[in-house]
PDB file of all heavy atoms in Angstrom:
ATOM      1  N   THR A   1     -46.230  19.653 152.499  1.00  0.00           N
ATOM      2  CA  THR A   1     -45.639  20.654 153.361  1.00  0.00           C
ATOM      3  C   THR A   1     -44.259  21.138 152.819  1.00  0.00           C
ATOM      4  O   THR A   1     -43.716  22.158 153.324  1.00  0.00           O
ATOM      5  CB  THR A   1     -45.412  20.106 154.798  1.00  0.00           C
ATOM      6  OG1 THR A   1     -44.493  19.021 154.810  1.00  0.00           O
ATOM      7  CG2 THR A   1     -46.708  19.646 155.416  1.00  0.00           C
ATOM      8  N   ASP A   2     -43.788  20.454 151.804  1.00  0.00           N
ATOM      9  CA  ASP A   2     -42.518  20.818 151.170  1.00  0.00           C
ATOM     10  C   ASP A   2     -42.773  21.982 150.249  1.00  0.00           C
ATOM     11  O   ASP A   2     -43.710  21.895 149.372  1.00  0.00           O
ATOM     12  CB  ASP A   2     -41.945  19.598 150.422  1.00  0.00           C
ATOM     13  CG  ASP A   2     -40.524  19.793 149.870  1.00  0.00           C
ATOM     14  OD1 ASP A   2     -40.320  20.870 149.277  1.00  0.00           O
ATOM     15  OD2 ASP A   2     -39.746  18.923 150.049  1.00  0.00           O
ATOM     16  N   PRO A   3     -42.030  23.057 150.308  1.00  0.00           N
ATOM     17  CA  PRO A   3     -42.255  24.194 149.414  1.00  0.00           C
ATOM     18  C   PRO A   3     -42.231  23.866 147.951  1.00  0.00           C
ATOM     19  O   PRO A   3     -42.863  24.418 147.112  1.00  0.00           O
ATOM     20  CB  PRO A   3     -41.095  25.175 149.755  1.00  0.00           C
ATOM     21  CG  PRO A   3     -40.770  24.828 151.207  1.00  0.00           C
ATOM     22  CD  PRO A   3     -40.934  23.343 151.314  1.00  0.00           C
ATOM     23  N   ARG A   4     -41.396  22.888 147.563  1.00  0.00           N
ATOM     24  CA  ARG A   4     -41.264  22.447 146.177  1.00  0.00           C
ATOM     25  C   ARG A   4     -42.611  21.851 145.679  1.00  0.00           C
ATOM     26  O   ARG A   4     -43.065  22.109 144.577  1.00  0.00           O
ATOM     27  CB  ARG A   4     -40.216  21.445 146.008  1.00  0.00           C
ATOM     28  CG  ARG A   4     -38.803  21.957 146.277  1.00  0.00           C
ATOM     29  CD  ARG A   4     -37.767  20.843 146.252  1.00  0.00           C
ATOM     30  NE  ARG A   4     -38.137  19.770 147.152  1.00  0.00           N
ATOM     31  CZ  ARG A   4     -37.804  18.450 146.972  1.00  0.00           C
ATOM     32  NH1 ARG A   4     -37.169  18.075 145.890  1.00  0.00           N
ATOM     33  NH2 ARG A   4     -38.159  17.561 147.840  1.00  0.00           N
ATOM     34  N   VAL A   5     -43.214  20.996 146.552  1.00  0.00           N
ATOM     35  CA  VAL A   5     -44.509  20.391 146.221  1.00  0.00           C
ATOM     36  C   VAL A   5     -45.579  21.471 146.126  1.00  0.00           C
ATOM     37  O   VAL A   5     -46.418  21.546 145.254  1.00  0.00           O
ATOM     38  CB  VAL A   5     -44.841  19.301 147.221  1.00  0.00           C
ATOM     39  CG1 VAL A   5     -46.281  18.800 147.019  1.00  0.00           C
ATOM     40  CG2 VAL A   5     -43.881  18.190 147.174  1.00  0.00           C
ATOM     41  N   ALA A   6     -45.603  22.381 147.118  1.00  0.00           N
ATOM     42  CA  ALA A   6     -46.555  23.433 147.149  1.00  0.00           C
ATOM     43  C   ALA A   6     -46.483  24.312 145.879  1.00  0.00           C
ATOM     44  O   ALA A   6     -47.482  24.707 145.327  1.00  0.00           O
ATOM     45  CB  ALA A   6     -46.371  24.294 148.419  1.00  0.00           C
ATOM     46  N   ALA A   7     -45.262  24.580 145.433  1.00  0.00           N
ATOM     47  CA  ALA A   7     -45.048  25.367 144.245  1.00  0.00           C
ATOM     48  C   ALA A   7     -45.543  24.605 143.013  1.00  0.00           C
ATOM     49  O   ALA A   7     -46.145  25.211 142.065  1.00  0.00           O
ATOM     50  CB  ALA A   7     -43.577  25.719 144.078  1.00  0.00           C
ATOM     51  N   TYR A   8     -45.250  23.301 142.986  1.00  0.00           N
ATOM     52  CA  TYR A   8     -45.720  22.477 141.828  1.00  0.00           C
ATOM     53  C   TYR A   8     -47.207  22.446 141.751  1.00  0.00           C
ATOM     54  O   TYR A   8     -47.800  22.664 140.647  1.00  0.00           O
ATOM     55  CB  TYR A   8     -45.146  21.057 142.023  1.00  0.00           C
ATOM     56  CG  TYR A   8     -45.445  20.122 140.882  1.00  0.00           C
ATOM     57  CD1 TYR A   8     -44.532  19.897 139.877  1.00  0.00           C
ATOM     58  CD2 TYR A   8     -46.663  19.369 140.896  1.00  0.00           C
ATOM     59  CE1 TYR A   8     -44.805  19.028 138.841  1.00  0.00           C
ATOM     60  CE2 TYR A   8     -46.950  18.525 139.850  1.00  0.00           C
ATOM     61  CZ  TYR A   8     -45.992  18.310 138.836  1.00  0.00           C
ATOM     62  OH  TYR A   8     -46.280  17.436 137.835  1.00  0.00           O
ATOM     63  N   VAL A   9     -47.904  22.237 142.832  1.00  0.00           N
ATOM     64  CA  VAL A   9     -49.370  22.219 142.855  1.00  0.00           C
ATOM     65  C   VAL A   9     -49.904  23.643 142.492  1.00  0.00           C
ATOM     66  O   VAL A   9     -50.876  23.792 141.791  1.00  0.00           O
ATOM     67  CB  VAL A   9     -49.898  21.704 144.208  1.00  0.00           C
ATOM     68  CG1 VAL A   9     -51.428  21.780 144.259  1.00  0.00           C
ATOM     69  CG2 VAL A   9     -49.385  20.261 144.490  1.00  0.00           C
ATOM     70  N   GLY A  10     -49.251  24.621 143.072  1.00  0.00           N
ATOM     71  CA  GLY A  10     -49.690  26.016 142.906  1.00  0.00           C
ATOM     72  C   GLY A  10     -49.541  26.465 141.456  1.00  0.00           C
ATOM     73  O   GLY A  10     -50.209  27.441 141.056  1.00  0.00           O
ATOM     74  N   ASP A  11     -48.708  25.824 140.709  1.00  0.00           N
ATOM     75  CA  ASP A  11     -48.543  26.210 139.294  1.00  0.00           C
ATOM     76  C   ASP A  11     -49.717  25.728 138.404  1.00  0.00           C
ATOM     77  O   ASP A  11     -49.809  26.194 137.248  1.00  0.00           O
ATOM     78  CB  ASP A  11     -47.220  25.677 138.733  1.00  0.00           C
ATOM     79  CG  ASP A  11     -46.030  26.478 139.213  1.00  0.00           C
ATOM     80  OD1 ASP A  11     -46.229  27.629 139.652  1.00  0.00           O
ATOM     81  OD2 ASP A  11     -44.870  25.923 139.171  1.00  0.00           O
ATOM     82  N   ASP A  12     -50.492  24.894 138.913  1.00  0.00           N
ATOM     83  CA  ASP A  12     -51.682  24.489 138.155  1.00  0.00           C
ATOM     84  C   ASP A  12     -52.579  25.721 137.937  1.00  0.00           C
ATOM     85  O   ASP A  12     -52.922  26.437 138.894  1.00  0.00           O
ATOM     86  CB  ASP A  12     -52.515  23.454 138.901  1.00  0.00           C
ATOM     87  CG  ASP A  12     -53.633  22.830 138.075  1.00  0.00           C
ATOM     88  OD1 ASP A  12     -54.465  23.592 137.601  1.00  0.00           O
ATOM     89  OD2 ASP A  12     -53.694  21.570 137.958  1.00  0.00           O
ATOM     90  N   PRO A  13     -52.894  26.050 136.711  1.00  0.00           N
ATOM     91  CA  PRO A  13     -53.683  27.292 136.455  1.00  0.00           C
ATOM     92  C   PRO A  13     -55.049  27.354 137.122  1.00  0.00           C
ATOM     93  O   PRO A  13     -55.627  28.441 137.280  1.00  0.00           O
ATOM     94  CB  PRO A  13     -53.881  27.296 134.906  1.00  0.00           C
ATOM     95  CG  PRO A  13     -53.638  25.920 134.504  1.00  0.00           C
ATOM     96  CD  PRO A  13     -52.642  25.327 135.445  1.00  0.00           C
ATOM     97  N   ARG A  14     -55.562  26.212 137.604  1.00  0.00           N
ATOM     98  CA  ARG A  14     -56.844  26.188 138.282  1.00  0.00           C
ATOM     99  C   ARG A  14     -56.696  26.368 139.811  1.00  0.00           C
ATOM    100  O   ARG A  14     -57.683  26.480 140.547  1.00  0.00           O
ATOM    101  CB  ARG A  14     -57.568  24.923 137.980  1.00  0.00           C
ATOM    102  CG  ARG A  14     -57.916  24.747 136.499  1.00  0.00           C
ATOM    103  CD  ARG A  14     -58.202  23.309 136.173  1.00  0.00           C
ATOM    104  NE  ARG A  14     -57.019  22.422 136.359  1.00  0.00           N
ATOM    105  CZ  ARG A  14     -56.972  21.221 135.913  1.00  0.00           C
ATOM    106  NH1 ARG A  14     -57.954  20.623 135.292  1.00  0.00           N
ATOM    107  NH2 ARG A  14     -55.859  20.487 136.101  1.00  0.00           N
ATOM    108  N   PHE A  15     -55.456  26.280 140.317  1.00  0.00           N
ATOM    109  CA  PHE A  15     -55.251  26.229 141.756  1.00  0.00           C
ATOM    110  C   PHE A  15     -55.729  27.515 142.475  1.00  0.00           C
ATOM    111  O   PHE A  15     -56.464  27.460 143.417  1.00  0.00           O
ATOM    112  CB  PHE A  15     -53.715  26.030 142.064  1.00  0.00           C
ATOM    113  CG  PHE A  15     -53.409  26.013 143.521  1.00  0.00           C
ATOM    114  CD1 PHE A  15     -53.533  24.885 144.295  1.00  0.00           C
ATOM    115  CD2 PHE A  15     -52.994  27.234 144.149  1.00  0.00           C
ATOM    116  CE1 PHE A  15     -53.242  24.932 145.704  1.00  0.00           C
ATOM    117  CE2 PHE A  15     -52.737  27.244 145.483  1.00  0.00           C
ATOM    118  CZ  PHE A  15     -52.815  26.105 146.244  1.00  0.00           C
ATOM    119  N   THR A  16     -55.301  28.677 142.029  1.00  0.00           N
ATOM    120  CA  THR A  16     -55.570  29.924 142.727  1.00  0.00           C
ATOM    121  C   THR A  16     -57.077  30.184 142.778  1.00  0.00           C
ATOM    122  O   THR A  16     -57.642  30.550 143.836  1.00  0.00           O
ATOM    123  CB  THR A  16     -54.828  31.116 142.029  1.00  0.00           C
ATOM    124  OG1 THR A  16     -53.400  30.871 142.130  1.00  0.00           O
ATOM    125  CG2 THR A  16     -55.197  32.354 142.731  1.00  0.00           C
ATOM    126  N   ALA A  17     -57.722  29.970 141.630  1.00  0.00           N
ATOM    127  CA  ALA A  17     -59.197  30.161 141.590  1.00  0.00           C
ATOM    128  C   ALA A  17     -59.910  29.241 142.572  1.00  0.00           C
ATOM    129  O   ALA A  17     -60.838  29.638 143.325  1.00  0.00           O
ATOM    130  CB  ALA A  17     -59.729  30.011 140.192  1.00  0.00           C
ATOM    131  N   PHE A  18     -59.465  27.986 142.555  1.00  0.00           N
ATOM    132  CA  PHE A  18     -60.093  26.943 143.479  1.00  0.00           C
ATOM    133  C   PHE A  18     -59.874  27.366 144.951  1.00  0.00           C
ATOM    134  O   PHE A  18     -60.807  27.402 145.784  1.00  0.00           O
ATOM    135  CB  PHE A  18     -59.495  25.592 143.231  1.00  0.00           C
ATOM    136  CG  PHE A  18     -59.998  24.541 144.130  1.00  0.00           C
ATOM    137  CD1 PHE A  18     -61.345  24.169 144.152  1.00  0.00           C
ATOM    138  CD2 PHE A  18     -59.131  23.848 144.950  1.00  0.00           C
ATOM    139  CE1 PHE A  18     -61.790  23.180 144.994  1.00  0.00           C
ATOM    140  CE2 PHE A  18     -59.505  22.856 145.786  1.00  0.00           C
ATOM    141  CZ  PHE A  18     -60.878  22.494 145.845  1.00  0.00           C
ATOM    142  N   ALA A  19     -58.626  27.672 145.240  1.00  0.00           N
ATOM    143  CA  ALA A  19     -58.324  28.028 146.675  1.00  0.00           C
ATOM    144  C   ALA A  19     -59.025  29.284 147.112  1.00  0.00           C
ATOM    145  O   ALA A  19     -59.546  29.380 148.273  1.00  0.00           O
ATOM    146  CB  ALA A  19     -56.803  28.212 146.795  1.00  0.00           C
ATOM    147  N   ASP A  20     -59.126  30.270 146.257  1.00  0.00           N
ATOM    148  CA  ASP A  20     -59.847  31.512 146.586  1.00  0.00           C
ATOM    149  C   ASP A  20     -61.368  31.292 146.777  1.00  0.00           C
ATOM    150  O   ASP A  20     -61.976  31.845 147.674  1.00  0.00           O
ATOM    151  CB  ASP A  20     -59.629  32.543 145.519  1.00  0.00           C
ATOM    152  CG  ASP A  20     -58.155  33.074 145.534  1.00  0.00           C
ATOM    153  OD1 ASP A  20     -57.492  32.841 146.526  1.00  0.00           O
ATOM    154  OD2 ASP A  20     -57.830  33.782 144.550  1.00  0.00           O
ATOM    155  N   GLN A  21     -61.891  30.406 145.957  1.00  0.00           N
ATOM    156  CA  GLN A  21     -63.341  30.076 146.020  1.00  0.00           C
ATOM    157  C   GLN A  21     -63.643  29.332 147.334  1.00  0.00           C
ATOM    158  O   GLN A  21     -64.684  29.580 148.011  1.00  0.00           O
ATOM    159  CB  GLN A  21     -63.797  29.207 144.868  1.00  0.00           C
ATOM    160  CG  GLN A  21     -63.826  29.987 143.561  1.00  0.00           C
ATOM    161  CD  GLN A  21     -65.046  30.934 143.380  1.00  0.00           C
ATOM    162  OE1 GLN A  21     -65.918  30.916 144.233  1.00  0.00           O
ATOM    163  NE2 GLN A  21     -65.029  31.742 142.321  1.00  0.00           N
ATOM    164  N   VAL A  22     -62.754  28.380 147.739  1.00  0.00           N
ATOM    165  CA  VAL A  22     -63.013  27.679 148.956  1.00  0.00           C
ATOM    166  C   VAL A  22     -62.821  28.656 150.154  1.00  0.00           C
ATOM    167  O   VAL A  22     -63.596  28.533 151.119  1.00  0.00           O
ATOM    168  CB  VAL A  22     -61.981  26.517 149.094  1.00  0.00           C
ATOM    169  CG1 VAL A  22     -62.061  25.853 150.490  1.00  0.00           C
ATOM    170  CG2 VAL A  22     -62.227  25.487 148.004  1.00  0.00           C
ATOM    171  N   LEU A  23     -61.877  29.570 150.072  1.00  0.00           N
ATOM    172  CA  LEU A  23     -61.759  30.555 151.168  1.00  0.00           C
ATOM    173  C   LEU A  23     -62.969  31.390 151.270  1.00  0.00           C
ATOM    174  O   LEU A  23     -63.481  31.714 152.350  1.00  0.00           O
ATOM    175  CB  LEU A  23     -60.485  31.390 150.930  1.00  0.00           C
ATOM    176  CG  LEU A  23     -60.228  32.446 151.986  1.00  0.00           C
ATOM    177  CD1 LEU A  23     -59.981  31.848 153.338  1.00  0.00           C
ATOM    178  CD2 LEU A  23     -59.123  33.381 151.555  1.00  0.00           C
ATOM    179  N   ALA A  24     -63.479  31.908 150.091  1.00  0.00           N
ATOM    180  CA  ALA A  24     -64.678  32.722 150.110  1.00  0.00           C
ATOM    181  C   ALA A  24     -65.853  32.051 150.643  1.00  0.00           C
ATOM    182  O   ALA A  24     -66.635  32.565 151.486  1.00  0.00           O
ATOM    183  CB  ALA A  24     -64.968  33.236 148.689  1.00  0.00           C
ATOM    184  N   LEU A  25     -65.985  30.744 150.376  1.00  0.00           N
ATOM    185  CA  LEU A  25     -67.099  29.921 150.929  1.00  0.00           C
ATOM    186  C   LEU A  25     -66.942  29.793 152.464  1.00  0.00           C
ATOM    187  O   LEU A  25     -67.937  29.957 153.200  1.00  0.00           O
ATOM    188  CB  LEU A  25     -67.142  28.578 150.252  1.00  0.00           C
ATOM    189  CG  LEU A  25     -68.254  27.656 150.693  1.00  0.00           C
ATOM    190  CD1 LEU A  25     -69.622  28.233 150.345  1.00  0.00           C
ATOM    191  CD2 LEU A  25     -68.055  26.254 150.077  1.00  0.00           C
ATOM    192  N   SER A  26     -65.709  29.532 152.935  1.00  0.00           N
ATOM    193  CA  SER A  26     -65.516  29.420 154.333  1.00  0.00           C
ATOM    194  C   SER A  26     -65.800  30.770 155.025  1.00  0.00           C
ATOM    195  O   SER A  26     -66.398  30.776 156.170  1.00  0.00           O
ATOM    196  CB  SER A  26     -64.090  29.001 154.637  1.00  0.00           C
ATOM    197  OG  SER A  26     -63.774  27.708 154.050  1.00  0.00           O
ATOM    198  N   GLN A  27     -65.366  31.841 154.436  1.00  0.00           N
ATOM    199  CA  GLN A  27     -65.646  33.155 155.046  1.00  0.00           C
ATOM    200  C   GLN A  27     -67.098  33.474 155.132  1.00  0.00           C
ATOM    201  O   GLN A  27     -67.565  34.171 156.033  1.00  0.00           O
ATOM    202  CB  GLN A  27     -64.894  34.225 154.263  1.00  0.00           C
ATOM    203  CG  GLN A  27     -63.405  34.151 154.458  1.00  0.00           C
ATOM    204  CD  GLN A  27     -62.616  35.084 153.442  1.00  0.00           C
ATOM    205  OE1 GLN A  27     -63.129  35.381 152.340  1.00  0.00           O
ATOM    206  NE2 GLN A  27     -61.444  35.521 153.810  1.00  0.00           N
ATOM    207  N   LEU A  28     -67.890  32.928 154.225  1.00  0.00           N
ATOM    208  CA  LEU A  28     -69.331  33.111 154.245  1.00  0.00           C
ATOM    209  C   LEU A  28     -69.968  32.206 155.279  1.00  0.00           C
ATOM    210  O   LEU A  28     -70.886  32.695 156.024  1.00  0.00           O
ATOM    211  CB  LEU A  28     -69.937  32.789 152.865  1.00  0.00           C
ATOM    212  CG  LEU A  28     -71.477  32.697 152.807  1.00  0.00           C
ATOM    213  CD1 LEU A  28     -72.058  34.087 152.961  1.00  0.00           C
ATOM    214  CD2 LEU A  28     -71.881  32.157 151.402  1.00  0.00           C
ATOM    215  N   LEU A  29     -69.530  30.966 155.383  1.00  0.00           N
ATOM    216  CA  LEU A  29     -70.265  29.989 156.207  1.00  0.00           C
ATOM    217  C   LEU A  29     -69.836  30.022 157.653  1.00  0.00           C
ATOM    218  O   LEU A  29     -70.689  29.728 158.512  1.00  0.00           O
ATOM    219  CB  LEU A  29     -70.078  28.546 155.606  1.00  0.00           C
ATOM    220  CG  LEU A  29     -70.686  28.326 154.245  1.00  0.00           C
ATOM    221  CD1 LEU A  29     -70.412  26.924 153.812  1.00  0.00           C
ATOM    222  CD2 LEU A  29     -72.199  28.586 154.246  1.00  0.00           C
ATOM    223  N   LEU A  30     -68.522  30.192 157.938  1.00  0.00           N
ATOM    224  CA  LEU A  30     -68.067  30.099 159.311  1.00  0.00           C
ATOM    225  C   LEU A  30     -68.842  31.090 160.293  1.00  0.00           C
ATOM    226  O   LEU A  30     -69.236  30.633 161.360  1.00  0.00           O
ATOM    227  CB  LEU A  30     -66.572  30.299 159.424  1.00  0.00           C
ATOM    228  CG  LEU A  30     -65.706  29.161 158.764  1.00  0.00           C
ATOM    229  CD1 LEU A  30     -64.250  29.436 158.957  1.00  0.00           C
ATOM    230  CD2 LEU A  30     -66.103  27.843 159.274  1.00  0.00           C
ATOM    231  N   PRO A  31     -68.975  32.323 159.923  1.00  0.00           N
ATOM    232  CA  PRO A  31     -69.782  33.260 160.811  1.00  0.00           C
ATOM    233  C   PRO A  31     -71.232  32.761 160.958  1.00  0.00           C
ATOM    234  O   PRO A  31     -71.754  32.860 162.061  1.00  0.00           O
ATOM    235  CB  PRO A  31     -69.716  34.553 160.117  1.00  0.00           C
ATOM    236  CG  PRO A  31     -68.491  34.515 159.181  1.00  0.00           C
ATOM    237  CD  PRO A  31     -68.416  33.077 158.811  1.00  0.00           C
ATOM    238  N   ALA A  32     -71.751  32.165 159.939  1.00  0.00           N
ATOM    239  CA  ALA A  32     -73.177  31.695 160.021  1.00  0.00           C
ATOM    240  C   ALA A  32     -73.207  30.463 160.949  1.00  0.00           C
ATOM    241  O   ALA A  32     -74.184  30.348 161.743  1.00  0.00           O
ATOM    242  CB  ALA A  32     -73.708  31.344 158.652  1.00  0.00           C
ATOM    243  N   PHE A  33     -72.273  29.526 160.812  1.00  0.00           N
ATOM    244  CA  PHE A  33     -72.190  28.402 161.734  1.00  0.00           C
ATOM    245  C   PHE A  33     -72.002  28.853 163.205  1.00  0.00           C
ATOM    246  O   PHE A  33     -72.641  28.309 164.115  1.00  0.00           O
ATOM    247  CB  PHE A  33     -71.054  27.453 161.314  1.00  0.00           C
ATOM    248  CG  PHE A  33     -71.321  26.580 160.159  1.00  0.00           C
ATOM    249  CD1 PHE A  33     -70.439  26.497 159.153  1.00  0.00           C
ATOM    250  CD2 PHE A  33     -72.537  25.859 160.080  1.00  0.00           C
ATOM    251  CE1 PHE A  33     -70.687  25.651 158.046  1.00  0.00           C
ATOM    252  CE2 PHE A  33     -72.767  25.076 158.958  1.00  0.00           C
ATOM    253  CZ  PHE A  33     -71.874  24.968 157.972  1.00  0.00           C
ATOM    254  N   ARG A  34     -71.201  29.891 163.390  1.00  0.00           N
ATOM    255  CA  ARG A  34     -70.948  30.332 164.756  1.00  0.00           C
ATOM    256  C   ARG A  34     -72.267  30.955 165.295  1.00  0.00           C
ATOM    257  O   ARG A  34     -72.666  30.713 166.486  1.00  0.00           O
ATOM    258  CB  ARG A  34     -69.865  31.411 164.738  1.00  0.00           C
ATOM    259  CG  ARG A  34     -69.536  32.022 166.136  1.00  0.00           C
ATOM    260  CD  ARG A  34     -68.389  32.916 166.071  1.00  0.00           C
ATOM    261  NE  ARG A  34     -68.611  33.989 165.136  1.00  0.00           N
ATOM    262  CZ  ARG A  34     -67.618  34.872 164.733  1.00  0.00           C
ATOM    263  NH1 ARG A  34     -66.443  34.757 165.145  1.00  0.00           N
ATOM    264  NH2 ARG A  34     -67.967  35.866 163.883  1.00  0.00           N
ATOM    265  N   GLU A  35     -72.978  31.744 164.480  1.00  0.00           N
ATOM    266  CA  GLU A  35     -74.239  32.317 164.933  1.00  0.00           C
ATOM    267  C   GLU A  35     -75.320  31.265 165.213  1.00  0.00           C
ATOM    268  O   GLU A  35     -76.178  31.400 166.064  1.00  0.00           O
ATOM    269  CB  GLU A  35     -74.754  33.300 163.911  1.00  0.00           C
ATOM    270  CG  GLU A  35     -73.959  34.579 163.802  1.00  0.00           C
ATOM    271  CD  GLU A  35     -73.883  35.294 165.163  1.00  0.00           C
ATOM    272  OE1 GLU A  35     -74.907  35.450 165.789  1.00  0.00           O
ATOM    273  OE2 GLU A  35     -72.756  35.706 165.547  1.00  0.00           O
ATOM    274  N   GLU A  36     -75.215  30.159 164.481  1.00  0.00           N
ATOM    275  CA  GLU A  36     -76.141  29.081 164.670  1.00  0.00           C
ATOM    276  C   GLU A  36     -75.919  28.309 165.961  1.00  0.00           C
ATOM    277  O   GLU A  36     -76.737  27.588 166.483  1.00  0.00           O
ATOM    278  CB  GLU A  36     -76.080  28.092 163.462  1.00  0.00           C
ATOM    279  CG  GLU A  36     -77.043  26.901 163.512  1.00  0.00           C
ATOM    280  CD  GLU A  36     -78.477  27.326 163.393  1.00  0.00           C
ATOM    281  OE1 GLU A  36     -78.724  28.536 162.985  1.00  0.00           O
ATOM    282  OE2 GLU A  36     -79.408  26.543 163.640  1.00  0.00           O
ATOM    283  N   GLY A  37     -74.692  28.551 166.515  1.00  0.00           N
ATOM    284  CA  GLY A  37     -74.363  27.905 167.834  1.00  0.00           C
ATOM    285  C   GLY A  37     -73.425  26.727 167.783  1.00  0.00           C
ATOM    286  O   GLY A  37     -73.142  26.113 168.791  1.00  0.00           O
ATOM    287  N   LYS A  38     -72.909  26.422 166.522  1.00  0.00           N
ATOM    288  CA  LYS A  38     -71.891  25.358 166.463  1.00  0.00           C
ATOM    289  C   LYS A  38     -70.574  25.791 167.093  1.00  0.00           C
ATOM    290  O   LYS A  38     -70.194  26.980 166.979  1.00  0.00           O
ATOM    291  CB  LYS A  38     -71.650  24.994 165.006  1.00  0.00           C
ATOM    292  CG  LYS A  38     -72.830  24.193 164.353  1.00  0.00           C
ATOM    293  CD  LYS A  38     -72.493  23.767 162.953  1.00  0.00           C
ATOM    294  CE  LYS A  38     -71.494  22.659 162.891  1.00  0.00           C
ATOM    295  NZ  LYS A  38     -72.040  21.370 163.455  1.00  0.00           N
TER     296      LYS A  38
END
């Protein structure tokens, strides 16, 4: 939760791609889970 730690982790060249892919997966699945009744 410390901005310094977040910046350190965020500087990893794989961080942004990973975070964006997880977000895209969530954006795909959450509406489907909601429609399924969860």
